[in-house]
Amino acid sequence: MTGSEFKQLRKDLGEAIGRDLSTADMAKLCGLPAGRTDTILRWEVGGPSGSAAELLRILAMASDRYPILENFNVFDRWDVPEQERPARRAQFRESMRDEVRRRLDQQA
């Protein structure tokens, strides 16, 4: 993930949950200690890597702009009726939005 992709993800996640995300919010999402916004500002230039990048790829599924990753996609299987798939995808995305909100609401 590049710095510009990281910045776009910040906007997209904010849009998905209905509020703008600050650098402190992004630090919280990544599990960084309070006050580590300097790390987020560096990532906006060079992009995150390692476990933070992987976590953000997962949380990105909260936004309709990002694909549901293959290992999370249980909706396109033969045992899920086609007419139920859109509702199940929407339900999954909403659960991801709830996870983003939960992480933001956690006390540091």
PDB file of N, CA and C in Angstrom:
ATOM      1  N   MET A   1       0.852  -1.173   0.000  1.00  0.00           N
ATOM      2  CA  MET A   1       0.000   0.000   0.000  1.00  0.00           C
ATOM      3  C   MET A   1       0.897   1.235   0.000  1.00  0.00           C
ATOM      4  N   THR A   2       0.631   2.121  -0.927  1.00  0.00           N
ATOM      5  CA  THR A   2       1.405   3.354  -1.030  1.00  0.00           C
ATOM      6  C   THR A   2       0.816   4.424  -0.114  1.00  0.00           C
ATOM      7  N   GLY A   3       1.534   5.525  -0.004  1.00  0.00           N
ATOM      8  CA  GLY A   3       1.046   6.636   0.805  1.00  0.00           C
ATOM      9  C   GLY A   3      -0.260   7.205   0.278  1.00  0.00           C
ATOM     10  N   SER A   4      -0.362   7.357  -1.031  1.00  0.00           N
ATOM     11  CA  SER A   4      -1.608   7.908  -1.596  1.00  0.00           C
ATOM     12  C   SER A   4      -2.767   6.925  -1.431  1.00  0.00           C
ATOM     13  N   GLU A   5      -2.495   5.629  -1.516  1.00  0.00           N
ATOM     14  CA  GLU A   5      -3.547   4.630  -1.273  1.00  0.00           C
ATOM     15  C   GLU A   5      -3.993   4.665   0.187  1.00  0.00           C
ATOM     16  N   PHE A   6      -3.038   4.881   1.073  1.00  0.00           N
ATOM     17  CA  PHE A   6      -3.356   4.987   2.495  1.00  0.00           C
ATOM     18  C   PHE A   6      -4.259   6.192   2.755  1.00  0.00           C
ATOM     19  N   LYS A   7      -3.915   7.338   2.148  1.00  0.00           N
ATOM     20  CA  LYS A   7      -4.748   8.540   2.305  1.00  0.00           C
ATOM     21  C   LYS A   7      -6.153   8.306   1.761  1.00  0.00           C
ATOM     22  N   GLN A   8      -6.242   7.651   0.613  1.00  0.00           N
ATOM     23  CA  GLN A   8      -7.551   7.359   0.026  1.00  0.00           C
ATOM     24  C   GLN A   8      -8.342   6.418   0.922  1.00  0.00           C
ATOM     25  N   LEU A   9      -7.674   5.440   1.502  1.00  0.00           N
ATOM     26  CA  LEU A   9      -8.344   4.516   2.410  1.00  0.00           C
ATOM     27  C   LEU A   9      -8.914   5.263   3.609  1.00  0.00           C
ATOM     28  N   ARG A  10      -8.175   6.217   4.112  1.00  0.00           N
ATOM     29  CA  ARG A  10      -8.663   7.035   5.239  1.00  0.00           C
ATOM     30  C   ARG A  10      -9.972   7.726   4.862  1.00  0.00           C
ATOM     31  N   LYS A  11     -10.017   8.298   3.675  1.00  0.00           N
ATOM     32  CA  LYS A  11     -11.248   8.952   3.201  1.00  0.00           C
ATOM     33  C   LYS A  11     -12.372   7.937   3.014  1.00  0.00           C
ATOM     34  N   ASP A  12     -12.048   6.808   2.398  1.00  0.00           N
ATOM     35  CA  ASP A  12     -13.066   5.799   2.101  1.00  0.00           C
ATOM     36  C   ASP A  12     -13.646   5.178   3.370  1.00  0.00           C
ATOM     37  N   LEU A  13     -12.796   4.904   4.351  1.00  0.00           N
ATOM     38  CA  LEU A  13     -13.308   4.360   5.608  1.00  0.00           C
ATOM     39  C   LEU A  13     -14.167   5.381   6.337  1.00  0.00           C
ATOM     40  N   GLY A  14     -13.750   6.630   6.308  1.00  0.00           N
ATOM     41  CA  GLY A  14     -14.553   7.691   6.918  1.00  0.00           C
ATOM     42  C   GLY A  14     -15.923   7.786   6.269  1.00  0.00           C
ATOM     43  N   GLU A  15     -15.936   7.716   4.955  1.00  0.00           N
ATOM     44  CA  GLU A  15     -17.201   7.750   4.226  1.00  0.00           C
ATOM     45  C   GLU A  15     -18.064   6.533   4.575  1.00  0.00           C
ATOM     46  N   ALA A  16     -17.444   5.376   4.715  1.00  0.00           N
ATOM     47  CA  ALA A  16     -18.169   4.145   5.008  1.00  0.00           C
ATOM     48  C   ALA A  16     -18.856   4.190   6.370  1.00  0.00           C
ATOM     49  N   ILE A  17     -18.205   4.836   7.348  1.00  0.00           N
ATOM     50  CA  ILE A  17     -18.806   4.877   8.684  1.00  0.00           C
ATOM     51  C   ILE A  17     -19.515   6.196   8.967  1.00  0.00           C
ATOM     52  N   GLY A  18     -19.456   7.123   8.017  1.00  0.00           N
ATOM     53  CA  GLY A  18     -20.218   8.359   8.138  1.00  0.00           C
ATOM     54  C   GLY A  18     -19.568   9.458   8.942  1.00  0.00           C
ATOM     55  N   ARG A  19     -18.239   9.458   9.016  1.00  0.00           N
ATOM     56  CA  ARG A  19     -17.539  10.559   9.695  1.00  0.00           C
ATOM     57  C   ARG A  19     -16.100  10.618   9.199  1.00  0.00           C
ATOM     58  N   ASP A  20     -15.531  11.815   9.227  1.00  0.00           N
ATOM     59  CA  ASP A  20     -14.140  11.976   8.825  1.00  0.00           C
ATOM     60  C   ASP A  20     -13.231  11.331   9.849  1.00  0.00           C
ATOM     61  N   LEU A  21     -12.156  10.716   9.376  1.00  0.00           N
ATOM     62  CA  LEU A  21     -11.187  10.091  10.268  1.00  0.00           C
ATOM     63  C   LEU A  21      -9.946  10.968  10.373  1.00  0.00           C
ATOM     64  N   SER A  22      -9.510  11.221  11.597  1.00  0.00           N
ATOM     65  CA  SER A  22      -8.311  12.009  11.844  1.00  0.00           C
ATOM     66  C   SER A  22      -7.087  11.090  11.815  1.00  0.00           C
ATOM     67  N   THR A  23      -5.911  11.696  11.889  1.00  0.00           N
ATOM     68  CA  THR A  23      -4.709  10.872  11.980  1.00  0.00           C
ATOM     69  C   THR A  23      -4.723  10.060  13.269  1.00  0.00           C
ATOM     70  N   ALA A  24      -5.258  10.633  14.354  1.00  0.00           N
ATOM     71  CA  ALA A  24      -5.365   9.891  15.623  1.00  0.00           C
ATOM     72  C   ALA A  24      -6.308   8.702  15.474  1.00  0.00           C
ATOM     73  N   ASP A  25      -7.385   8.875  14.702  1.00  0.00           N
ATOM     74  CA  ASP A  25      -8.306   7.759  14.450  1.00  0.00           C
ATOM     75  C   ASP A  25      -7.606   6.636  13.692  1.00  0.00           C
ATOM     76  N   MET A  26      -6.822   6.998  12.689  1.00  0.00           N
ATOM     77  CA  MET A  26      -6.114   5.981  11.914  1.00  0.00           C
ATOM     78  C   MET A  26      -5.088   5.264  12.783  1.00  0.00           C
ATOM     79  N   ALA A  27      -4.431   5.997  13.670  1.00  0.00           N
ATOM     80  CA  ALA A  27      -3.486   5.367  14.588  1.00  0.00           C
ATOM     81  C   ALA A  27      -4.211   4.357  15.477  1.00  0.00           C
ATOM     82  N   LYS A  28      -5.381   4.739  15.942  1.00  0.00           N
ATOM     83  CA  LYS A  28      -6.181   3.850  16.790  1.00  0.00           C
ATOM     84  C   LYS A  28      -6.599   2.597  16.018  1.00  0.00           C
ATOM     85  N   LEU A  29      -7.023   2.764  14.779  1.00  0.00           N
ATOM     86  CA  LEU A  29      -7.413   1.617  13.957  1.00  0.00           C
ATOM     87  C   LEU A  29      -6.270   0.623  13.796  1.00  0.00           C
ATOM     88  N   CYS A  30      -5.051   1.146  13.708  1.00  0.00           N
ATOM     89  CA  CYS A  30      -3.885   0.295  13.504  1.00  0.00           C
ATOM     90  C   CYS A  30      -3.315  -0.248  14.813  1.00  0.00           C
ATOM     91  N   GLY A  31      -3.915   0.149  15.934  1.00  0.00           N
ATOM     92  CA  GLY A  31      -3.444  -0.340  17.220  1.00  0.00           C
ATOM     93  C   GLY A  31      -2.196   0.363  17.721  1.00  0.00           C
ATOM     94  N   LEU A  32      -1.912   1.538  17.193  1.00  0.00           N
ATOM     95  CA  LEU A  32      -0.749   2.297  17.650  1.00  0.00           C
ATOM     96  C   LEU A  32      -1.074   2.989  18.972  1.00  0.00           C
ATOM     97  N   PRO A  33      -0.066   3.228  19.793  1.00  0.00           N
ATOM     98  CA  PRO A  33      -0.307   3.937  21.058  1.00  0.00           C
ATOM     99  C   PRO A  33      -0.836   5.348  20.801  1.00  0.00           C
ATOM    100  N   ALA A  34      -1.593   5.859  21.765  1.00  0.00           N
ATOM    101  CA  ALA A  34      -2.128   7.225  21.652  1.00  0.00           C
ATOM    102  C   ALA A  34      -0.979   8.203  21.413  1.00  0.00           C
ATOM    103  N   GLY A  35      -1.216   9.166  20.566  1.00  0.00           N
ATOM    104  CA  GLY A  35      -0.207  10.173  20.284  1.00  0.00           C
ATOM    105  C   GLY A  35       0.784   9.791  19.204  1.00  0.00           C
ATOM    106  N   ARG A  36       0.613   8.664  18.542  1.00  0.00           N
ATOM    107  CA  ARG A  36       1.545   8.225  17.501  1.00  0.00           C
ATOM    108  C   ARG A  36       1.115   8.691  16.113  1.00  0.00           C
ATOM    109  N   THR A  37       0.579   9.878  16.041  1.00  0.00           N
ATOM    110  CA  THR A  37       0.136  10.396  14.750  1.00  0.00           C
ATOM    111  C   THR A  37       1.311  10.654  13.812  1.00  0.00           C
ATOM    112  N   ASP A  38       2.524  10.784  14.362  1.00  0.00           N
ATOM    113  CA  ASP A  38       3.700  10.973  13.503  1.00  0.00           C
ATOM    114  C   ASP A  38       3.894   9.771  12.578  1.00  0.00           C
ATOM    115  N   THR A  39       3.579   8.589  13.085  1.00  0.00           N
ATOM    116  CA  THR A  39       3.681   7.372  12.264  1.00  0.00           C
ATOM    117  C   THR A  39       2.681   7.447  11.115  1.00  0.00           C
ATOM    118  N   ILE A  40       1.462   7.879  11.415  1.00  0.00           N
ATOM    119  CA  ILE A  40       0.424   7.995  10.379  1.00  0.00           C
ATOM    120  C   ILE A  40       0.848   9.011   9.328  1.00  0.00           C
ATOM    121  N   LEU A  41       1.399  10.128   9.747  1.00  0.00           N
ATOM    122  CA  LEU A  41       1.854  11.141   8.788  1.00  0.00           C
ATOM    123  C   LEU A  41       2.964  10.592   7.894  1.00  0.00           C
ATOM    124  N   ARG A  42       3.851   9.772   8.449  1.00  0.00           N
ATOM    125  CA  ARG A  42       4.896   9.131   7.626  1.00  0.00           C
ATOM    126  C   ARG A  42       4.261   8.165   6.632  1.00  0.00           C
ATOM    127  N   TRP A  43       3.258   7.418   7.088  1.00  0.00           N
ATOM    128  CA  TRP A  43       2.581   6.460   6.219  1.00  0.00           C
ATOM    129  C   TRP A  43       1.850   7.159   5.086  1.00  0.00           C
ATOM    130  N   GLU A  44       1.405   8.392   5.306  1.00  0.00           N
ATOM    131  CA  GLU A  44       0.731   9.128   4.239  1.00  0.00           C
ATOM    132  C   GLU A  44       1.700   9.484   3.114  1.00  0.00           C
ATOM    133  N   VAL A  45       2.986   9.388   3.377  1.00  0.00           N
ATOM    134  CA  VAL A  45       4.004   9.629   2.357  1.00  0.00           C
ATOM    135  C   VAL A  45       4.485   8.296   1.777  1.00  0.00           C
ATOM    136  N   GLY A  46       4.909   7.395   2.653  1.00  0.00           N
ATOM    137  CA  GLY A  46       5.526   6.158   2.185  1.00  0.00           C
ATOM    138  C   GLY A  46       4.649   4.926   2.252  1.00  0.00           C
ATOM    139  N   GLY A  47       3.526   5.007   2.942  1.00  0.00           N
ATOM    140  CA  GLY A  47       2.638   3.862   3.066  1.00  0.00           C
ATOM    141  C   GLY A  47       3.031   2.935   4.198  1.00  0.00           C
ATOM    142  N   PRO A  48       2.054   2.287   4.808  1.00  0.00           N
ATOM    143  CA  PRO A  48       2.344   1.331   5.872  1.00  0.00           C
ATOM    144  C   PRO A  48       2.853   0.016   5.283  1.00  0.00           C
ATOM    145  N   SER A  49       3.464  -0.783   6.130  1.00  0.00           N
ATOM    146  CA  SER A  49       3.917  -2.096   5.680  1.00  0.00           C
ATOM    147  C   SER A  49       3.660  -3.105   6.786  1.00  0.00           C
ATOM    148  N   GLY A  50       3.950  -4.341   6.498  1.00  0.00           N
ATOM    149  CA  GLY A  50       3.835  -5.391   7.496  1.00  0.00           C
ATOM    150  C   GLY A  50       2.430  -5.617   8.000  1.00  0.00           C
ATOM    151  N   SER A  51       2.329  -5.838   9.308  1.00  0.00           N
ATOM    152  CA  SER A  51       1.031  -6.188   9.899  1.00  0.00           C
ATOM    153  C   SER A  51       0.028  -5.045   9.809  1.00  0.00           C
ATOM    154  N   ALA A  52       0.498  -3.802   9.854  1.00  0.00           N
ATOM    155  CA  ALA A  52      -0.422  -2.663   9.735  1.00  0.00           C
ATOM    156  C   ALA A  52      -1.063  -2.633   8.347  1.00  0.00           C
ATOM    157  N   ALA A  53      -0.277  -2.862   7.315  1.00  0.00           N
ATOM    158  CA  ALA A  53      -0.814  -2.877   5.949  1.00  0.00           C
ATOM    159  C   ALA A  53      -1.829  -4.005   5.785  1.00  0.00           C
ATOM    160  N   GLU A  54      -1.540  -5.160   6.363  1.00  0.00           N
ATOM    161  CA  GLU A  54      -2.455  -6.296   6.259  1.00  0.00           C
ATOM    162  C   GLU A  54      -3.758  -6.010   7.003  1.00  0.00           C
ATOM    163  N   LEU A  55      -3.653  -5.442   8.197  1.00  0.00           N
ATOM    164  CA  LEU A  55      -4.855  -5.078   8.957  1.00  0.00           C
ATOM    165  C   LEU A  55      -5.699  -4.080   8.178  1.00  0.00           C
ATOM    166  N   LEU A  56      -5.069  -3.098   7.571  1.00  0.00           N
ATOM    167  CA  LEU A  56      -5.803  -2.095   6.801  1.00  0.00           C
ATOM    168  C   LEU A  56      -6.463  -2.701   5.565  1.00  0.00           C
ATOM    169  N   ARG A  57      -5.829  -3.691   4.946  1.00  0.00           N
ATOM    170  CA  ARG A  57      -6.454  -4.386   3.805  1.00  0.00           C
ATOM    171  C   ARG A  57      -7.749  -5.057   4.250  1.00  0.00           C
ATOM    172  N   ILE A  58      -7.748  -5.597   5.457  1.00  0.00           N
ATOM    173  CA  ILE A  58      -8.949  -6.255   5.984  1.00  0.00           C
ATOM    174  C   ILE A  58     -10.008  -5.222   6.336  1.00  0.00           C
ATOM    175  N   LEU A  59      -9.624  -4.168   7.046  1.00  0.00           N
ATOM    176  CA  LEU A  59     -10.592  -3.138   7.428  1.00  0.00           C
ATOM    177  C   LEU A  59     -11.143  -2.402   6.209  1.00  0.00           C
ATOM    178  N   ALA A  60     -10.383  -2.369   5.125  1.00  0.00           N
ATOM    179  CA  ALA A  60     -10.839  -1.697   3.901  1.00  0.00           C
ATOM    180  C   ALA A  60     -12.130  -2.306   3.367  1.00  0.00           C
ATOM    181  N   MET A  61     -12.392  -3.549   3.704  1.00  0.00           N
ATOM    182  CA  MET A  61     -13.611  -4.199   3.224  1.00  0.00           C
ATOM    183  C   MET A  61     -14.874  -3.553   3.783  1.00  0.00           C
ATOM    184  N   ALA A  62     -14.737  -2.644   4.737  1.00  0.00           N
ATOM    185  CA  ALA A  62     -15.880  -1.893   5.249  1.00  0.00           C
ATOM    186  C   ALA A  62     -16.434  -0.954   4.178  1.00  0.00           C
ATOM    187  N   SER A  63     -15.588  -0.581   3.229  1.00  0.00           N
ATOM    188  CA  SER A  63     -15.972   0.328   2.152  1.00  0.00           C
ATOM    189  C   SER A  63     -16.346  -0.460   0.899  1.00  0.00           C
ATOM    190  N   ASP A  64     -17.377  -0.010   0.231  1.00  0.00           N
ATOM    191  CA  ASP A  64     -17.793  -0.639  -1.020  1.00  0.00           C
ATOM    192  C   ASP A  64     -16.761  -0.466  -2.129  1.00  0.00           C
ATOM    193  N   ARG A  65     -15.800   0.405  -1.935  1.00  0.00           N
ATOM    194  CA  ARG A  65     -14.784   0.655  -2.960  1.00  0.00           C
ATOM    195  C   ARG A  65     -13.681  -0.387  -2.985  1.00  0.00           C
ATOM    196  N   TYR A  66     -13.682  -1.290  -2.021  1.00  0.00           N
ATOM    197  CA  TYR A  66     -12.627  -2.300  -1.929  1.00  0.00           C
ATOM    198  C   TYR A  66     -13.258  -3.681  -2.038  1.00  0.00           C
ATOM    199  N   PRO A  67     -12.569  -4.592  -2.693  1.00  0.00           N
ATOM    200  CA  PRO A  67     -13.139  -5.937  -2.854  1.00  0.00           C
ATOM    201  C   PRO A  67     -13.134  -6.695  -1.532  1.00  0.00           C
ATOM    202  N   ILE A  68     -14.071  -7.613  -1.424  1.00  0.00           N
ATOM    203  CA  ILE A  68     -14.044  -8.535  -0.288  1.00  0.00           C
ATOM    204  C   ILE A  68     -12.965  -9.557  -0.622  1.00  0.00           C
ATOM    205  N   LEU A  69     -11.999  -9.682   0.253  1.00  0.00           N
ATOM    206  CA  LEU A  69     -10.858 -10.562  -0.001  1.00  0.00           C
ATOM    207  C   LEU A  69     -11.319 -12.008  -0.126  1.00  0.00           C
ATOM    208  N   GLU A  70     -10.623 -12.742  -0.954  1.00  0.00           N
ATOM    209  CA  GLU A  70     -11.014 -14.120  -1.270  1.00  0.00           C
ATOM    210  C   GLU A  70     -11.210 -14.985  -0.030  1.00  0.00           C
ATOM    211  N   ASN A  71     -10.326 -14.881   0.944  1.00  0.00           N
ATOM    212  CA  ASN A  71     -10.458 -15.732   2.125  1.00  0.00           C
ATOM    213  C   ASN A  71     -11.592 -15.297   3.050  1.00  0.00           C
ATOM    214  N   PHE A  72     -12.252 -14.180   2.763  1.00  0.00           N
ATOM    215  CA  PHE A  72     -13.424 -13.740   3.514  1.00  0.00           C
ATOM    216  C   PHE A  72     -14.708 -13.938   2.706  1.00  0.00           C
ATOM    217  N   ASN A  73     -14.566 -14.247   1.434  1.00  0.00           N
ATOM    218  CA  ASN A  73     -15.718 -14.315   0.543  1.00  0.00           C
ATOM    219  C   ASN A  73     -16.377 -15.692   0.618  1.00  0.00           C
ATOM    220  N   VAL A  74     -17.375 -15.794   1.456  1.00  0.00           N
ATOM    221  CA  VAL A  74     -18.123 -17.050   1.591  1.00  0.00           C
ATOM    222  C   VAL A  74     -19.496 -16.922   0.930  1.00  0.00           C
ATOM    223  N   PHE A  75     -19.656 -15.885   0.124  1.00  0.00           N
ATOM    224  CA  PHE A  75     -20.961 -15.584  -0.454  1.00  0.00           C
ATOM    225  C   PHE A  75     -21.144 -16.172  -1.840  1.00  0.00           C
ATOM    226  N   ASP A  76     -20.066 -16.398  -2.548  1.00  0.00           N
ATOM    227  CA  ASP A  76     -20.152 -16.890  -3.919  1.00  0.00           C
ATOM    228  C   ASP A  76     -19.977 -18.401  -4.005  1.00  0.00           C
ATOM    229  N   ARG A  77     -20.260 -19.068  -2.918  1.00  0.00           N
ATOM    230  CA  ARG A  77     -20.143 -20.531  -2.906  1.00  0.00           C
ATOM    231  C   ARG A  77     -21.412 -21.156  -3.454  1.00  0.00           C
ATOM    232  N   TRP A  78     -21.299 -22.388  -3.858  1.00  0.00           N
ATOM    233  CA  TRP A  78     -22.425 -23.122  -4.434  1.00  0.00           C
ATOM    234  C   TRP A  78     -23.587 -23.285  -3.451  1.00  0.00           C
ATOM    235  N   ASP A  79     -23.312 -23.286  -2.150  1.00  0.00           N
ATOM    236  CA  ASP A  79     -24.367 -23.523  -1.165  1.00  0.00           C
ATOM    237  C   ASP A  79     -25.081 -22.255  -0.699  1.00  0.00           C
ATOM    238  N   VAL A  80     -24.754 -21.105  -1.309  1.00  0.00           N
ATOM    239  CA  VAL A  80     -25.436 -19.848  -0.998  1.00  0.00           C
ATOM    240  C   VAL A  80     -26.259 -19.463  -2.222  1.00  0.00           C
ATOM    241  N   PRO A  81     -27.580 -19.462  -2.090  1.00  0.00           N
ATOM    242  CA  PRO A  81     -28.421 -19.103  -3.240  1.00  0.00           C
ATOM    243  C   PRO A  81     -28.058 -17.727  -3.793  1.00  0.00           C
ATOM    244  N   GLU A  82     -28.042 -17.626  -5.124  1.00  0.00           N
ATOM    245  CA  GLU A  82     -27.627 -16.372  -5.767  1.00  0.00           C
ATOM    246  C   GLU A  82     -28.434 -15.169  -5.320  1.00  0.00           C
ATOM    247  N   GLN A  83     -29.720 -15.336  -5.097  1.00  0.00           N
ATOM    248  CA  GLN A  83     -30.554 -14.207  -4.701  1.00  0.00           C
ATOM    249  C   GLN A  83     -30.220 -13.703  -3.293  1.00  0.00           C
ATOM    250  N   GLU A  84     -29.559 -14.505  -2.484  1.00  0.00           N
ATOM    251  CA  GLU A  84     -29.178 -14.099  -1.126  1.00  0.00           C
ATOM    252  C   GLU A  84     -27.808 -13.424  -1.078  1.00  0.00           C
ATOM    253  N   ARG A  85     -27.005 -13.576  -2.089  1.00  0.00           N
ATOM    254  CA  ARG A  85     -25.622 -13.098  -2.072  1.00  0.00           C
ATOM    255  C   ARG A  85     -25.481 -11.593  -1.872  1.00  0.00           C
ATOM    256  N   PRO A  86     -26.246 -10.753  -2.579  1.00  0.00           N
ATOM    257  CA  PRO A  86     -26.096  -9.305  -2.355  1.00  0.00           C
ATOM    258  C   PRO A  86     -26.405  -8.900  -0.911  1.00  0.00           C
ATOM    259  N   ALA A  87     -27.431  -9.473  -0.323  1.00  0.00           N
ATOM    260  CA  ALA A  87     -27.784  -9.139   1.057  1.00  0.00           C
ATOM    261  C   ALA A  87     -26.707  -9.612   2.025  1.00  0.00           C
ATOM    262  N   ARG A  88     -26.143 -10.764   1.761  1.00  0.00           N
ATOM    263  CA  ARG A  88     -25.076 -11.279   2.639  1.00  0.00           C
ATOM    264  C   ARG A  88     -23.809 -10.445   2.522  1.00  0.00           C
ATOM    265  N   ARG A  89     -23.490  -9.999   1.310  1.00  0.00           N
ATOM    266  CA  ARG A  89     -22.326  -9.114   1.140  1.00  0.00           C
ATOM    267  C   ARG A  89     -22.547  -7.800   1.892  1.00  0.00           C
ATOM    268  N   ALA A  90     -23.750  -7.239   1.764  1.00  0.00           N
ATOM    269  CA  ALA A  90     -24.070  -5.991   2.461  1.00  0.00           C
ATOM    270  C   ALA A  90     -23.986  -6.181   3.973  1.00  0.00           C
ATOM    271  N   GLN A  91     -24.465  -7.300   4.454  1.00  0.00           N
ATOM    272  CA  GLN A  91     -24.412  -7.596   5.886  1.00  0.00           C
ATOM    273  C   GLN A  91     -22.946  -7.712   6.339  1.00  0.00           C
ATOM    274  N   PHE A  92     -22.119  -8.352   5.529  1.00  0.00           N
ATOM    275  CA  PHE A  92     -20.702  -8.482   5.861  1.00  0.00           C
ATOM    276  C   PHE A  92     -20.036  -7.117   5.922  1.00  0.00           C
ATOM    277  N   ARG A  93     -20.293  -6.278   4.928  1.00  0.00           N
ATOM    278  CA  ARG A  93     -19.688  -4.940   4.922  1.00  0.00           C
ATOM    279  C   ARG A  93     -20.133  -4.145   6.144  1.00  0.00           C
ATOM    280  N   GLU A  94     -21.390  -4.281   6.517  1.00  0.00           N
ATOM    281  CA  GLU A  94     -21.873  -3.577   7.706  1.00  0.00           C
ATOM    282  C   GLU A  94     -21.167  -4.094   8.955  1.00  0.00           C
ATOM    283  N   SER A  95     -20.900  -5.382   9.029  1.00  0.00           N
ATOM    284  CA  SER A  95     -20.168  -5.919  10.182  1.00  0.00           C
ATOM    285  C   SER A  95     -18.735  -5.376  10.206  1.00  0.00           C
ATOM    286  N   MET A  96     -18.149  -5.173   9.036  1.00  0.00           N
ATOM    287  CA  MET A  96     -16.808  -4.578   8.978  1.00  0.00           C
ATOM    288  C   MET A  96     -16.859  -3.115   9.424  1.00  0.00           C
ATOM    289  N   ARG A  97     -17.908  -2.401   9.053  1.00  0.00           N
ATOM    290  CA  ARG A  97     -18.070  -1.009   9.514  1.00  0.00           C
ATOM    291  C   ARG A  97     -18.204  -0.977  11.030  1.00  0.00           C
ATOM    292  N   ASP A  98     -18.967  -1.928  11.567  1.00  0.00           N
ATOM    293  CA  ASP A  98     -19.114  -2.018  13.020  1.00  0.00           C
ATOM    294  C   ASP A  98     -17.756  -2.276  13.682  1.00  0.00           C
ATOM    295  N   GLU A  99     -16.921  -3.098  13.046  1.00  0.00           N
ATOM    296  CA  GLU A  99     -15.591  -3.378  13.595  1.00  0.00           C
ATOM    297  C   GLU A  99     -14.735  -2.113  13.593  1.00  0.00           C
ATOM    298  N   VAL A 100     -14.811  -1.327  12.531  1.00  0.00           N
ATOM    299  CA  VAL A 100     -14.062  -0.066  12.486  1.00  0.00           C
ATOM    300  C   VAL A 100     -14.547   0.846  13.615  1.00  0.00           C
ATOM    301  N   ARG A 101     -15.861   0.980  13.758  1.00  0.00           N
ATOM    302  CA  ARG A 101     -16.419   1.819  14.834  1.00  0.00           C
ATOM    303  C   ARG A 101     -15.984   1.308  16.207  1.00  0.00           C
ATOM    304  N   ARG A 102     -16.001  -0.005  16.398  1.00  0.00           N
ATOM    305  CA  ARG A 102     -15.618  -0.599  17.681  1.00  0.00           C
ATOM    306  C   ARG A 102     -14.160  -0.249  18.008  1.00  0.00           C
ATOM    307  N   ARG A 103     -13.293  -0.372  17.023  1.00  0.00           N
ATOM    308  CA  ARG A 103     -11.878  -0.038  17.238  1.00  0.00           C
ATOM    309  C   ARG A 103     -11.698   1.426  17.586  1.00  0.00           C
ATOM    310  N   LEU A 104     -12.481   2.290  16.956  1.00  0.00           N
ATOM    311  CA  LEU A 104     -12.371   3.722  17.234  1.00  0.00           C
ATOM    312  C   LEU A 104     -12.920   4.083  18.609  1.00  0.00           C
ATOM    313  N   ASP A 105     -13.900   3.331  19.077  1.00  0.00           N
ATOM    314  CA  ASP A 105     -14.526   3.617  20.370  1.00  0.00           C
ATOM    315  C   ASP A 105     -13.765   3.029  21.552  1.00  0.00           C
ATOM    316  N   GLN A 106     -12.806   2.142  21.286  1.00  0.00           N
ATOM    317  CA  GLN A 106     -12.030   1.537  22.369  1.00  0.00           C
ATOM    318  C   GLN A 106     -11.225   2.586  23.100  1.00  0.00           C
ATOM    319  N   GLN A 107     -11.139   2.414  24.390  1.00  0.00           N
ATOM    320  CA  GLN A 107     -10.296   3.297  25.195  1.00  0.00           C
ATOM    321  C   GLN A 107      -8.833   2.934  24.980  1.00  0.00           C
ATOM    322  N   ALA A 108      -8.006   3.906  24.887  1.00  0.00           N
ATOM    323  CA  ALA A 108      -6.562   3.658  24.671  1.00  0.00           C
ATOM    324  C   ALA A 108      -5.906   3.102  25.914  1.00  0.00           C
TER     325      ALA A 108
END
